[in-house]
């Protein structure tokens, strides 16, 4: 349920109410010596002799400075006082201003009191800016300004000077009584301290916003938008110590709100349906460390090094029931927030089958990234050309089934630690980098379902570590299968379907010792299937040769392929028959022939209805 915006002030109102309008002018006011005088004066005004005072530097002019004093540290609406010092004469000065609510540092509110506008007053640093009311305040005037305001006629000059010794005595006596330890009042200042008003709900929020903006953590505009993830996270964030020590908690809260955490049906804020071994794992739990939130991975020091929504598990009412997050009621939705850039030590980001939006540029700051799996999301844009520089330790890159375009960058060949590369089912164009096959640790190369063209590099067919070579559904991709394919000692899957690959199927292909899936369908292969296929029968589970220009009869050696689960030979031109031995392998269990499809030119008693014309 949304908050009642009419009942509570907006974040922007809170911030504007509390922030000096001219704080950016600090560097322009006064030279270094005068600045030191003002700082020394404000420090002395709230010295250890007056521990109950809470000081805030407020105003200064070219010849004077002043400081706001209050014995209410929260400085909420109530009386405040300003003590001042003439910097030229190093003397205290004051001037009474009628009661009016004034924002600290706004000199324009004081001008009506003077005969001429005091244009030189500017704001200086306010440690905790607030709005205050004052029954009466004192402001510092330069010596020249003081004469114009308090001595409009020179005929009284002598009388005024004669009163100085008497005034000095009065000042000393008053100072003693007003500034002695334990006294709640301040000498030479006017308005008595009023009872403090109750703190607003977000009393500390302006200070947090200022810290986040000044340290370039979040954008100020976003923080002042009540509906933004940044504003919601800042409102929830309640650091008890230094901000930088709990910054990770704020950043994860931004991620939570940005990725639709409020709509999660499990493991969200306040949810009780998310626990592991009886320990709560829900997000934004004020009673637990952020490292206990489901999907958050931290190292031994408590620093977050991973976000894993793929392998994380949680239990619901049944403590023995573990549910995979990406199959449950948690779904990341939205664009990755820019605050993620502060997680420079992130090593893993796993969020497959979600609704993550944006581009891969959001990940480029993760120079320690080893595993990126955002398969089946809605990412757009291109693969960064500086992939090797951005992620020198990258091992797994899985962006399958997104909306990426552009070409494969040459930087891929410099990712020496790369083991898996998946860009299947995108809109990638261009050619395959010729040196991609020399990456020593490459195990999986998934490029199917794109718009690649040109020749397949021959070195890909002789890579000894490559387990999966998936190039299907790239109609303009061409080339032949070389005899060197027998060197692929780790090959388990070869997918060349729906390409322009051509030539004969070499017998060396069946010498690959661990080949399990062989899909050459919809290409331009030709020739005869030889008895050499029996060499791979111990491991082959899937064979798809359909939609090619093959000839001859179906080899009887298929009878020896007892591990087959799928055999598709339609639209090939093959003749012959399916033996009874092979038919006995039919079934739906593992290692049983569940799919068997052949042309009507092949005799088959176990192929079911084939809609073949009567002889």
Foldseek 3Di string as FASTA:
>chain_A
DDDDCVVAPALLCQQVQFDAPFAVCAVVAEDPVLVVVQVVVQDVQCDPQNVQKDKWWFKAFNFKGKIKIDSPNLQAAWAIEIWMAGNVVRHTDWDKDAWDWDFGFDQVVRQVLAPGGRVRMGTYDTQGGHTYTHRIYIDDDHPVRCCVGVPVDCVCVVVVVVCVVVVVVVQVVQQCVQSGHPHNHHGPIDDDTDPDDDAGLPSCLNNLLVVCVVVVLDDSVQCSDRLAQLVVLSSLDDDPDDCVVCVVLSLVSSQCSQQPLVQQPPLEPPHPFWAAPPHRQHRSDPVDQVCSHWQFHADPVSQTQGRALAPTWTGGPDNVDTDRRLPDRDAGAHEGDLSCLVSLNHAYYAHEPHAYEEEPVSQLSNQNYAEYAHEQYAYEEEDDLCVCVSHLNYAYAHHDNYAYEEEDHPCLLNNLNYAEDAHAQYAYEEEDPQNNLVNQRHAYDHDENYQYADEDRQSVLQRQRHAYDHHYHHARYEDERDLNNLNNQNHAEYHHANYAYEEEDDLSPLNRAQHAYYHHYHYEYEEEDDLSNLSNLVHYAEDHHYPYAYEEEDDPSNLNNQQYQEDEHANHHHAEEDDPSLLVQDDDDGSGHPYDYYDPRYHYPRRPDDPDDDD
